[in-house]
Amino acid sequence: MRIVEAHGLGLRTRRGWVYRDVDLTAEAGELHVVTGPPGSGRTSLLLALAGRFPHNEGTLRTRGPAALGQVAGVHEPDPALTVAEHIQERLLLLGPVPRRRRQLVPVAAVRARRAYRRDAFAAAIAGAGFTDVPLDPDVHGRDLTPQQRQVLGLVLATLSGPSLIVADDVDAGSDAPERAWLFDALARLADQGYAVVASARAVEPGARAVVHRLGDPSLPVRPDLSLPAPTAPARTVAVPAQAVPTDVTDPDATADPDATAEPEGAGGPAGDPTTPDIVDPEVNR
């Protein structure tokens, strides 16, 4: 089942392209990773796929709800809440799964939302399949490591039972073992039936992911949208005739200076009345 279909997706502002010409089709059970240099629009693209950011080029079709994992500055842990309190708060906001939607929500998410009063932390961690990560329920958001922030964001995303999960900069601030674990965790979420789209500076070797690379955002403006450079109007300026040297070595030349002077008023060959002088009125003012 296709969850996301993006064709020629782009966002152009007055300052240029944020991202452009993105083709991405993600089905349920697939992991896609968007890579690219800083400023290439990875975060904006992920938010657009999740319906949280605009686009004005191309087409985007989605199926089912989307949920955000860790996205710095947009969706990140509250510094004052513990991990357990984050989960309890999210479950209270979501409430129980309506009966008409239970067939559409993963069983693990339904169980977690039923258990929010008993042991919400354990149910949520088990439902996401992250029981092998050392995540202390009593640690505050301000004390979480980059890897733990990513894990908490993914756990919270699964609680709503979405079709699509997006997570930004999953490899930021983590060492090699932590990055390997995170890519494996993303693949496990895909194995549960979610369509997962993440962004990273690079993909870990051996990761089971479809990779999309964004180019440099400072691409030239399309030629059909650029205006031609203005050209200055042509202007004619009279140039005085070059003086004839007096030390002429031609034996046929006459010593009389008047014999070599050009007739007054002729602008072309001597004595040709059809070629007038070209005089700039501005110069002769």
C-alpha atoms as a PDB file:
ATOM      1  CA  MET A   1       0.000   0.000   0.000  1.00  0.00           C
ATOM      2  CA  ARG A   2       1.418   3.366  -1.017  1.00  0.00           C
ATOM      3  CA  ILE A   3       1.467   5.839   1.857  1.00  0.00           C
ATOM      4  CA  VAL A   4       3.356   8.736   0.246  1.00  0.00           C
ATOM      5  CA  GLU A   5       3.602   9.703  -3.434  1.00  0.00           C
ATOM      6  CA  ALA A   6       5.605  12.814  -4.271  1.00  0.00           C
ATOM      7  CA  HIS A   7       6.400  13.775  -7.862  1.00  0.00           C
ATOM      8  CA  GLY A   8       8.478  16.837  -8.753  1.00  0.00           C
ATOM      9  CA  LEU A   9       7.902  18.192  -5.261  1.00  0.00           C
ATOM     10  CA  GLY A  10       9.457  21.567  -4.563  1.00  0.00           C
ATOM     11  CA  LEU A  11       9.210  24.724  -2.518  1.00  0.00           C
ATOM     12  CA  ARG A  12      10.349  28.024  -3.984  1.00  0.00           C
ATOM     13  CA  THR A  13      10.432  31.265  -2.015  1.00  0.00           C
ATOM     14  CA  ARG A  14      11.584  34.775  -2.839  1.00  0.00           C
ATOM     15  CA  ARG A  15      15.077  33.760  -1.708  1.00  0.00           C
ATOM     16  CA  GLY A  16      15.250  30.742  -4.011  1.00  0.00           C
ATOM     17  CA  TRP A  17      14.544  27.024  -3.868  1.00  0.00           C
ATOM     18  CA  VAL A  18      14.243  25.315  -0.469  1.00  0.00           C
ATOM     19  CA  TYR A  19      14.033  21.905  -2.168  1.00  0.00           C
ATOM     20  CA  ARG A  20      13.064  20.936  -5.682  1.00  0.00           C
ATOM     21  CA  ASP A  21      12.395  18.060  -8.100  1.00  0.00           C
ATOM     22  CA  VAL A  22      11.836  15.454  -5.370  1.00  0.00           C
ATOM     23  CA  ASP A  23      10.363  12.113  -6.440  1.00  0.00           C
ATOM     24  CA  LEU A  24       9.609   9.814  -3.509  1.00  0.00           C
ATOM     25  CA  THR A  25       7.152   6.954  -3.211  1.00  0.00           C
ATOM     26  CA  ALA A  26       7.009   5.187   0.161  1.00  0.00           C
ATOM     27  CA  GLU A  27       4.897   2.122   0.810  1.00  0.00           C
ATOM     28  CA  ALA A  28       3.898   0.570   4.110  1.00  0.00           C
ATOM     29  CA  GLY A  29       6.813  -1.428   5.478  1.00  0.00           C
ATOM     30  CA  GLU A  30       9.514   0.640   3.737  1.00  0.00           C
ATOM     31  CA  LEU A  31      12.296   2.779   5.183  1.00  0.00           C
ATOM     32  CA  HIS A  32      13.414   5.817   3.171  1.00  0.00           C
ATOM     33  CA  VAL A  33      16.323   8.065   4.140  1.00  0.00           C
ATOM     34  CA  VAL A  34      16.825  11.568   2.735  1.00  0.00           C
ATOM     35  CA  THR A  35      20.447  12.737   2.737  1.00  0.00           C
ATOM     36  CA  GLY A  36      22.132  15.940   1.643  1.00  0.00           C
ATOM     37  CA  PRO A  37      24.393  18.763   2.750  1.00  0.00           C
ATOM     38  CA  PRO A  38      23.341  21.238   5.460  1.00  0.00           C
ATOM     39  CA  GLY A  39      20.777  23.662   4.104  1.00  0.00           C
ATOM     40  CA  SER A  40      19.598  21.337   1.358  1.00  0.00           C
ATOM     41  CA  GLY A  41      16.004  21.344   2.650  1.00  0.00           C
ATOM     42  CA  ARG A  42      15.897  17.924   4.310  1.00  0.00           C
ATOM     43  CA  THR A  43      13.855  19.084   7.321  1.00  0.00           C
ATOM     44  CA  SER A  44      11.448  21.134   5.212  1.00  0.00           C
ATOM     45  CA  LEU A  45      10.888  18.172   2.892  1.00  0.00           C
ATOM     46  CA  LEU A  46      10.151  15.794   5.776  1.00  0.00           C
ATOM     47  CA  LEU A  47       7.682  18.227   7.301  1.00  0.00           C
ATOM     48  CA  ALA A  48       6.022  18.653   3.897  1.00  0.00           C
ATOM     49  CA  LEU A  49       5.624  14.881   3.518  1.00  0.00           C
ATOM     50  CA  ALA A  50       4.005  14.811   6.969  1.00  0.00           C
ATOM     51  CA  GLY A  51       1.626  17.629   6.053  1.00  0.00           C
ATOM     52  CA  ARG A  52       3.279  20.151   8.381  1.00  0.00           C
ATOM     53  CA  PHE A  53       4.989  22.383   5.796  1.00  0.00           C
ATOM     54  CA  PRO A  54       3.930  23.814   2.422  1.00  0.00           C
ATOM     55  CA  HIS A  55       5.071  23.060  -1.096  1.00  0.00           C
ATOM     56  CA  ASN A  56       4.278  24.975  -4.289  1.00  0.00           C
ATOM     57  CA  GLU A  57       5.732  22.732  -6.991  1.00  0.00           C
ATOM     58  CA  GLY A  58       4.791  19.178  -7.987  1.00  0.00           C
ATOM     59  CA  THR A  59       2.207  16.876  -6.460  1.00  0.00           C
ATOM     60  CA  LEU A  60       1.933  15.117  -3.099  1.00  0.00           C
ATOM     61  CA  ARG A  61      -0.524  12.379  -2.171  1.00  0.00           C
ATOM     62  CA  THR A  62      -0.638  10.725   1.249  1.00  0.00           C
ATOM     63  CA  ARG A  63      -2.727   7.967   2.759  1.00  0.00           C
ATOM     64  CA  GLY A  64      -3.481   7.866   6.471  1.00  0.00           C
ATOM     65  CA  PRO A  65      -2.183  10.036   9.317  1.00  0.00           C
ATOM     66  CA  ALA A  66       1.458  10.990   9.825  1.00  0.00           C
ATOM     67  CA  ALA A  67       3.397  11.405  13.073  1.00  0.00           C
ATOM     68  CA  LEU A  68       6.594  13.274  13.849  1.00  0.00           C
ATOM     69  CA  GLY A  69       9.548  11.802  15.640  1.00  0.00           C
ATOM     70  CA  GLN A  70      12.390  14.018  16.805  1.00  0.00           C
ATOM     71  CA  VAL A  71      12.557  17.219  14.736  1.00  0.00           C
ATOM     72  CA  ALA A  72      14.744  19.875  16.340  1.00  0.00           C
ATOM     73  CA  GLY A  73      12.895  23.131  16.957  1.00  0.00           C
ATOM     74  CA  VAL A  74       9.580  21.630  15.883  1.00  0.00           C
ATOM     75  CA  HIS A  75       8.934  18.442  17.841  1.00  0.00           C
ATOM     76  CA  GLU A  76      11.362  17.634  20.631  1.00  0.00           C
ATOM     77  CA  PRO A  77      11.258  16.615  24.315  1.00  0.00           C
ATOM     78  CA  ASP A  78      10.151  19.053  26.979  1.00  0.00           C
ATOM     79  CA  PRO A  79      13.212  19.761  29.174  1.00  0.00           C
ATOM     80  CA  ALA A  80      11.158  19.670  32.392  1.00  0.00           C
ATOM     81  CA  LEU A  81       9.330  16.360  31.808  1.00  0.00           C
ATOM     82  CA  THR A  82      10.697  12.889  32.390  1.00  0.00           C
ATOM     83  CA  VAL A  83      10.531  10.172  29.750  1.00  0.00           C
ATOM     84  CA  ALA A  84       7.631   8.493  31.547  1.00  0.00           C
ATOM     85  CA  GLU A  85       5.772  11.783  31.864  1.00  0.00           C
ATOM     86  CA  HIS A  86       6.171  12.436  28.130  1.00  0.00           C
ATOM     87  CA  ILE A  87       4.539   9.099  27.378  1.00  0.00           C
ATOM     88  CA  GLN A  88       1.753   9.536  29.935  1.00  0.00           C
ATOM     89  CA  GLU A  89       0.976  13.026  28.654  1.00  0.00           C
ATOM     90  CA  ARG A  90       0.828  11.852  25.057  1.00  0.00           C
ATOM     91  CA  LEU A  91      -1.484   8.960  25.916  1.00  0.00           C
ATOM     92  CA  LEU A  92      -3.800  11.232  27.900  1.00  0.00           C
ATOM     93  CA  LEU A  93      -4.003  13.635  24.952  1.00  0.00           C
ATOM     94  CA  LEU A  94      -4.712  10.825  22.510  1.00  0.00           C
ATOM     95  CA  GLY A  95      -7.294   9.094  24.669  1.00  0.00           C
ATOM     96  CA  PRO A  96      -8.556   5.570  23.959  1.00  0.00           C
ATOM     97  CA  VAL A  97      -8.700   4.347  20.390  1.00  0.00           C
ATOM     98  CA  PRO A  98     -12.267   4.637  19.053  1.00  0.00           C
ATOM     99  CA  ARG A  99     -13.814   1.279  18.280  1.00  0.00           C
ATOM    100  CA  ARG A 100     -14.339   2.205  14.631  1.00  0.00           C
ATOM    101  CA  ARG A 101     -10.589   2.805  14.203  1.00  0.00           C
ATOM    102  CA  ARG A 102      -9.187  -0.196  16.040  1.00  0.00           C
ATOM    103  CA  GLN A 103      -8.762  -2.178  12.858  1.00  0.00           C
ATOM    104  CA  LEU A 104      -6.673   0.690  11.435  1.00  0.00           C
ATOM    105  CA  VAL A 105      -4.367   1.187  14.424  1.00  0.00           C
ATOM    106  CA  PRO A 106      -1.481  -1.205  15.173  1.00  0.00           C
ATOM    107  CA  VAL A 107      -2.246  -3.599  18.018  1.00  0.00           C
ATOM    108  CA  ALA A 108       0.796  -2.380  19.974  1.00  0.00           C
ATOM    109  CA  ALA A 109      -0.492   1.205  19.928  1.00  0.00           C
ATOM    110  CA  VAL A 110      -3.944   0.080  21.095  1.00  0.00           C
ATOM    111  CA  ARG A 111      -2.399  -1.875  23.984  1.00  0.00           C
ATOM    112  CA  ALA A 112      -0.201   1.051  25.000  1.00  0.00           C
ATOM    113  CA  ARG A 113      -3.157   3.422  25.092  1.00  0.00           C
ATOM    114  CA  ARG A 114      -5.148   0.953  27.177  1.00  0.00           C
ATOM    115  CA  ALA A 115      -2.283   0.588  29.671  1.00  0.00           C
ATOM    116  CA  TYR A 116      -1.505   4.279  30.180  1.00  0.00           C
ATOM    117  CA  ARG A 117      -2.741   4.170  33.805  1.00  0.00           C
ATOM    118  CA  ARG A 118      -0.860   1.015  34.773  1.00  0.00           C
ATOM    119  CA  ASP A 119       2.557   0.984  33.120  1.00  0.00           C
ATOM    120  CA  ALA A 120       2.497   3.300  30.168  1.00  0.00           C
ATOM    121  CA  PHE A 121       6.276   3.402  29.798  1.00  0.00           C
ATOM    122  CA  ALA A 122       6.751  -0.356  29.517  1.00  0.00           C
ATOM    123  CA  ALA A 123       3.777  -0.752  27.183  1.00  0.00           C
ATOM    124  CA  ALA A 124       4.947   2.055  24.904  1.00  0.00           C
ATOM    125  CA  ILE A 125       8.555   0.836  24.729  1.00  0.00           C
ATOM    126  CA  ALA A 126       7.449  -2.725  24.041  1.00  0.00           C
ATOM    127  CA  GLY A 127       4.951  -1.573  21.446  1.00  0.00           C
ATOM    128  CA  ALA A 128       7.664   0.277  19.533  1.00  0.00           C
ATOM    129  CA  GLY A 129      10.010  -2.711  19.802  1.00  0.00           C
ATOM    130  CA  PHE A 130      12.747  -0.747  21.581  1.00  0.00           C
ATOM    131  CA  THR A 131      13.210  -2.834  24.703  1.00  0.00           C
ATOM    132  CA  ASP A 132      16.932  -3.201  23.982  1.00  0.00           C
ATOM    133  CA  VAL A 133      17.757   0.506  24.363  1.00  0.00           C
ATOM    134  CA  PRO A 134      18.793   1.875  27.789  1.00  0.00           C
ATOM    135  CA  LEU A 135      16.073   4.506  28.236  1.00  0.00           C
ATOM    136  CA  ASP A 136      15.480   5.481  31.868  1.00  0.00           C
ATOM    137  CA  PRO A 137      11.860   6.525  32.494  1.00  0.00           C
ATOM    138  CA  ASP A 138      12.987   8.993  35.190  1.00  0.00           C
ATOM    139  CA  VAL A 139      15.432  10.980  33.040  1.00  0.00           C
ATOM    140  CA  HIS A 140      14.323  14.516  32.189  1.00  0.00           C
ATOM    141  CA  GLY A 141      14.190  15.713  28.611  1.00  0.00           C
ATOM    142  CA  ARG A 142      17.078  18.133  29.120  1.00  0.00           C
ATOM    143  CA  ASP A 143      19.364  15.241  30.146  1.00  0.00           C
ATOM    144  CA  LEU A 144      18.679  12.917  27.228  1.00  0.00           C
ATOM    145  CA  THR A 145      21.486  12.026  24.841  1.00  0.00           C
ATOM    146  CA  PRO A 146      20.938  12.590  21.087  1.00  0.00           C
ATOM    147  CA  GLN A 147      20.231   8.886  20.633  1.00  0.00           C
ATOM    148  CA  GLN A 148      17.717   8.829  23.500  1.00  0.00           C
ATOM    149  CA  ARG A 149      15.945  11.892  22.127  1.00  0.00           C
ATOM    150  CA  GLN A 150      15.498  10.081  18.823  1.00  0.00           C
ATOM    151  CA  VAL A 151      14.211   6.970  20.558  1.00  0.00           C
ATOM    152  CA  LEU A 152      11.703   8.920  22.650  1.00  0.00           C
ATOM    153  CA  GLY A 153      10.480  10.748  19.552  1.00  0.00           C
ATOM    154  CA  LEU A 154       9.913   7.478  17.702  1.00  0.00           C
ATOM    155  CA  VAL A 155       8.110   5.907  20.685  1.00  0.00           C
ATOM    156  CA  LEU A 156       5.787   8.896  20.965  1.00  0.00           C
ATOM    157  CA  ALA A 157       5.118   8.764  17.228  1.00  0.00           C
ATOM    158  CA  THR A 158       3.966   5.148  17.360  1.00  0.00           C
ATOM    159  CA  LEU A 159       1.373   5.846  20.067  1.00  0.00           C
ATOM    160  CA  SER A 160      -1.039   7.512  17.652  1.00  0.00           C
ATOM    161  CA  GLY A 161      -0.942   4.546  15.270  1.00  0.00           C
ATOM    162  CA  PRO A 162       0.075   6.520  12.165  1.00  0.00           C
ATOM    163  CA  SER A 163       0.672   5.293   8.653  1.00  0.00           C
ATOM    164  CA  LEU A 164       3.781   7.464   8.230  1.00  0.00           C
ATOM    165  CA  ILE A 165       6.549   8.285  10.711  1.00  0.00           C
ATOM    166  CA  VAL A 166       9.174  10.924   9.938  1.00  0.00           C
ATOM    167  CA  ALA A 167      12.325  11.660  11.953  1.00  0.00           C
ATOM    168  CA  ASP A 168      14.948  14.305  11.274  1.00  0.00           C
ATOM    169  CA  ASP A 169      18.770  14.128  11.590  1.00  0.00           C
ATOM    170  CA  VAL A 170      18.757  10.643  13.075  1.00  0.00           C
ATOM    171  CA  ASP A 171      22.561  10.441  13.020  1.00  0.00           C
ATOM    172  CA  ALA A 172      23.292  13.846  14.593  1.00  0.00           C
ATOM    173  CA  GLY A 173      25.455  13.721  17.708  1.00  0.00           C
ATOM    174  CA  SER A 174      25.692   9.927  17.853  1.00  0.00           C
ATOM    175  CA  ASP A 175      28.709   7.659  17.575  1.00  0.00           C
ATOM    176  CA  ALA A 176      28.999   4.746  15.162  1.00  0.00           C
ATOM    177  CA  PRO A 177      27.369   2.050  17.387  1.00  0.00           C
ATOM    178  CA  GLU A 178      24.490   4.391  18.249  1.00  0.00           C
ATOM    179  CA  ARG A 179      23.935   5.265  14.591  1.00  0.00           C
ATOM    180  CA  ALA A 180      23.923   1.595  13.652  1.00  0.00           C
ATOM    181  CA  TRP A 181      21.344   0.910  16.375  1.00  0.00           C
ATOM    182  CA  LEU A 182      19.133   3.792  15.233  1.00  0.00           C
ATOM    183  CA  PHE A 183      19.072   2.666  11.607  1.00  0.00           C
ATOM    184  CA  ASP A 184      18.222  -0.834  12.768  1.00  0.00           C
ATOM    185  CA  ALA A 185      15.436   0.590  14.968  1.00  0.00           C
ATOM    186  CA  LEU A 186      14.001   2.496  12.001  1.00  0.00           C
ATOM    187  CA  ALA A 187      14.053  -0.695   9.949  1.00  0.00           C
ATOM    188  CA  ARG A 188      12.216  -2.527  12.744  1.00  0.00           C
ATOM    189  CA  LEU A 189       9.499   0.125  12.703  1.00  0.00           C
ATOM    190  CA  ALA A 190       9.146  -0.408   8.969  1.00  0.00           C
ATOM    191  CA  ASP A 191       8.881  -4.148   9.561  1.00  0.00           C
ATOM    192  CA  GLN A 192       5.864  -3.432  11.780  1.00  0.00           C
ATOM    193  CA  GLY A 193       4.054  -1.910   8.817  1.00  0.00           C
ATOM    194  CA  TYR A 194       4.855   1.790   9.140  1.00  0.00           C
ATOM    195  CA  ALA A 195       6.163   3.831   6.246  1.00  0.00           C
ATOM    196  CA  VAL A 196       9.245   5.507   7.727  1.00  0.00           C
ATOM    197  CA  VAL A 197      11.021   8.499   6.198  1.00  0.00           C
ATOM    198  CA  ALA A 198      14.081   9.845   8.007  1.00  0.00           C
ATOM    199  CA  SER A 199      16.809  12.323   7.206  1.00  0.00           C
ATOM    200  CA  ALA A 200      20.519  11.938   7.903  1.00  0.00           C
ATOM    201  CA  ARG A 201      23.855  13.278   6.781  1.00  0.00           C
ATOM    202  CA  ALA A 202      24.778   9.794   5.570  1.00  0.00           C
ATOM    203  CA  VAL A 203      23.360   6.274   5.680  1.00  0.00           C
ATOM    204  CA  GLU A 204      25.128   3.668   7.757  1.00  0.00           C
ATOM    205  CA  PRO A 205      26.694   0.804   5.762  1.00  0.00           C
ATOM    206  CA  GLY A 206      24.353  -2.156   5.524  1.00  0.00           C
ATOM    207  CA  ALA A 207      21.220  -0.172   6.382  1.00  0.00           C
ATOM    208  CA  ARG A 208      18.068  -1.505   4.712  1.00  0.00           C
ATOM    209  CA  ALA A 209      16.852   1.791   3.304  1.00  0.00           C
ATOM    210  CA  VAL A 210      15.927   3.505   0.061  1.00  0.00           C
ATOM    211  CA  VAL A 211      18.219   6.535  -0.150  1.00  0.00           C
ATOM    212  CA  HIS A 212      17.276   9.898  -1.679  1.00  0.00           C
ATOM    213  CA  ARG A 213      19.919  12.618  -1.943  1.00  0.00           C
ATOM    214  CA  LEU A 214      19.055  16.288  -2.117  1.00  0.00           C
ATOM    215  CA  GLY A 215      21.429  18.537  -4.011  1.00  0.00           C
ATOM    216  CA  ASP A 216      22.755  21.982  -3.256  1.00  0.00           C
ATOM    217  CA  PRO A 217      19.817  24.375  -2.645  1.00  0.00           C
ATOM    218  CA  SER A 218      21.574  27.257  -4.413  1.00  0.00           C
ATOM    219  CA  LEU A 219      20.559  26.025  -7.848  1.00  0.00           C
ATOM    220  CA  PRO A 220      20.282  28.591 -10.649  1.00  0.00           C
ATOM    221  CA  VAL A 221      16.870  30.002 -11.392  1.00  0.00           C
ATOM    222  CA  ARG A 222      15.217  28.410 -14.390  1.00  0.00           C
ATOM    223  CA  PRO A 223      16.056  30.323 -17.592  1.00  0.00           C
ATOM    224  CA  ASP A 224      12.426  30.811 -18.535  1.00  0.00           C
ATOM    225  CA  LEU A 225      11.848  32.725 -15.306  1.00  0.00           C
ATOM    226  CA  SER A 226      14.864  35.024 -15.536  1.00  0.00           C
ATOM    227  CA  LEU A 227      14.749  38.472 -17.122  1.00  0.00           C
ATOM    228  CA  PRO A 228      17.301  39.517 -19.749  1.00  0.00           C
ATOM    229  CA  ALA A 229      19.998  41.895 -18.597  1.00  0.00           C
ATOM    230  CA  PRO A 230      19.293  45.508 -19.581  1.00  0.00           C
ATOM    231  CA  THR A 231      21.483  46.885 -22.389  1.00  0.00           C
ATOM    232  CA  ALA A 232      22.697  50.506 -22.526  1.00  0.00           C
ATOM    233  CA  PRO A 233      21.458  52.527 -25.543  1.00  0.00           C
ATOM    234  CA  ALA A 234      24.021  53.073 -28.280  1.00  0.00           C
ATOM    235  CA  ARG A 235      25.558  56.541 -28.440  1.00  0.00           C
ATOM    236  CA  THR A 236      27.640  58.077 -31.252  1.00  0.00           C
ATOM    237  CA  VAL A 237      30.542  60.345 -30.283  1.00  0.00           C
ATOM    238  CA  ALA A 238      32.568  62.391 -32.785  1.00  0.00           C
ATOM    239  CA  VAL A 239      36.257  61.518 -32.733  1.00  0.00           C
ATOM    240  CA  PRO A 240      38.695  64.187 -34.008  1.00  0.00           C
ATOM    241  CA  ALA A 241      40.814  63.216 -37.024  1.00  0.00           C
ATOM    242  CA  GLN A 242      44.338  62.128 -36.248  1.00  0.00           C
ATOM    243  CA  ALA A 243      46.977  64.713 -37.096  1.00  0.00           C
ATOM    244  CA  VAL A 244      49.244  63.946 -40.034  1.00  0.00           C
ATOM    245  CA  PRO A 245      52.912  63.727 -38.985  1.00  0.00           C
ATOM    246  CA  THR A 246      55.251  66.295 -40.523  1.00  0.00           C
ATOM    247  CA  ASP A 247      58.157  63.939 -41.075  1.00  0.00           C
ATOM    248  CA  VAL A 248      56.560  61.984 -43.923  1.00  0.00           C
ATOM    249  CA  THR A 249      59.029  59.650 -45.587  1.00  0.00           C
ATOM    250  CA  ASP A 250      56.974  59.066 -48.736  1.00  0.00           C
ATOM    251  CA  PRO A 251      58.961  60.615 -51.595  1.00  0.00           C
ATOM    252  CA  ASP A 252      55.746  61.554 -53.424  1.00  0.00           C
ATOM    253  CA  ALA A 253      54.402  63.483 -50.476  1.00  0.00           C
ATOM    254  CA  THR A 254      54.309  67.245 -50.875  1.00  0.00           C
ATOM    255  CA  ALA A 255      55.921  69.581 -48.385  1.00  0.00           C
ATOM    256  CA  ASP A 256      52.930  71.898 -48.552  1.00  0.00           C
ATOM    257  CA  PRO A 257      50.788  71.153 -45.392  1.00  0.00           C
ATOM    258  CA  ASP A 258      47.660  72.420 -47.103  1.00  0.00           C
ATOM    259  CA  ALA A 259      48.044  69.783 -49.819  1.00  0.00           C
ATOM    260  CA  THR A 260      47.470  66.948 -47.342  1.00  0.00           C
ATOM    261  CA  ALA A 261      44.690  68.521 -45.264  1.00  0.00           C
ATOM    262  CA  GLU A 262      41.208  67.080 -45.577  1.00  0.00           C
ATOM    263  CA  PRO A 263      38.656  69.504 -47.030  1.00  0.00           C
ATOM    264  CA  GLU A 264      36.666  71.228 -44.335  1.00  0.00           C
ATOM    265  CA  GLY A 265      33.214  69.784 -43.805  1.00  0.00           C
ATOM    266  CA  ALA A 266      33.927  66.361 -45.346  1.00  0.00           C
ATOM    267  CA  GLY A 267      33.210  63.408 -43.089  1.00  0.00           C
ATOM    268  CA  GLY A 268      34.438  60.626 -45.390  1.00  0.00           C
ATOM    269  CA  PRO A 269      36.846  60.611 -48.333  1.00  0.00           C
ATOM    270  CA  ALA A 270      38.131  64.029 -49.392  1.00  0.00           C
ATOM    271  CA  GLY A 271      35.697  65.902 -51.538  1.00  0.00           C
ATOM    272  CA  ASP A 272      32.835  63.394 -51.049  1.00  0.00           C
ATOM    273  CA  PRO A 273      29.774  65.552 -50.283  1.00  0.00           C
ATOM    274  CA  THR A 274      27.488  62.549 -49.697  1.00  0.00           C
ATOM    275  CA  THR A 275      29.073  61.524 -46.359  1.00  0.00           C
ATOM    276  CA  PRO A 276      28.322  64.200 -43.745  1.00  0.00           C
ATOM    277  CA  ASP A 277      30.102  64.621 -40.425  1.00  0.00           C
ATOM    278  CA  ILE A 278      28.637  62.574 -37.509  1.00  0.00           C
ATOM    279  CA  VAL A 279      28.486  64.985 -34.632  1.00  0.00           C
ATOM    280  CA  ASP A 280      27.083  64.295 -31.163  1.00  0.00           C
ATOM    281  CA  PRO A 281      24.972  67.241 -30.052  1.00  0.00           C
ATOM    282  CA  GLU A 282      25.864  66.539 -26.444  1.00  0.00           C
ATOM    283  CA  VAL A 283      29.562  66.899 -27.174  1.00  0.00           C
ATOM    284  CA  ASN A 284      29.217  70.164 -29.049  1.00  0.00           C
ATOM    285  CA  ARG A 285      27.109  71.874 -26.394  1.00  0.00           C
END
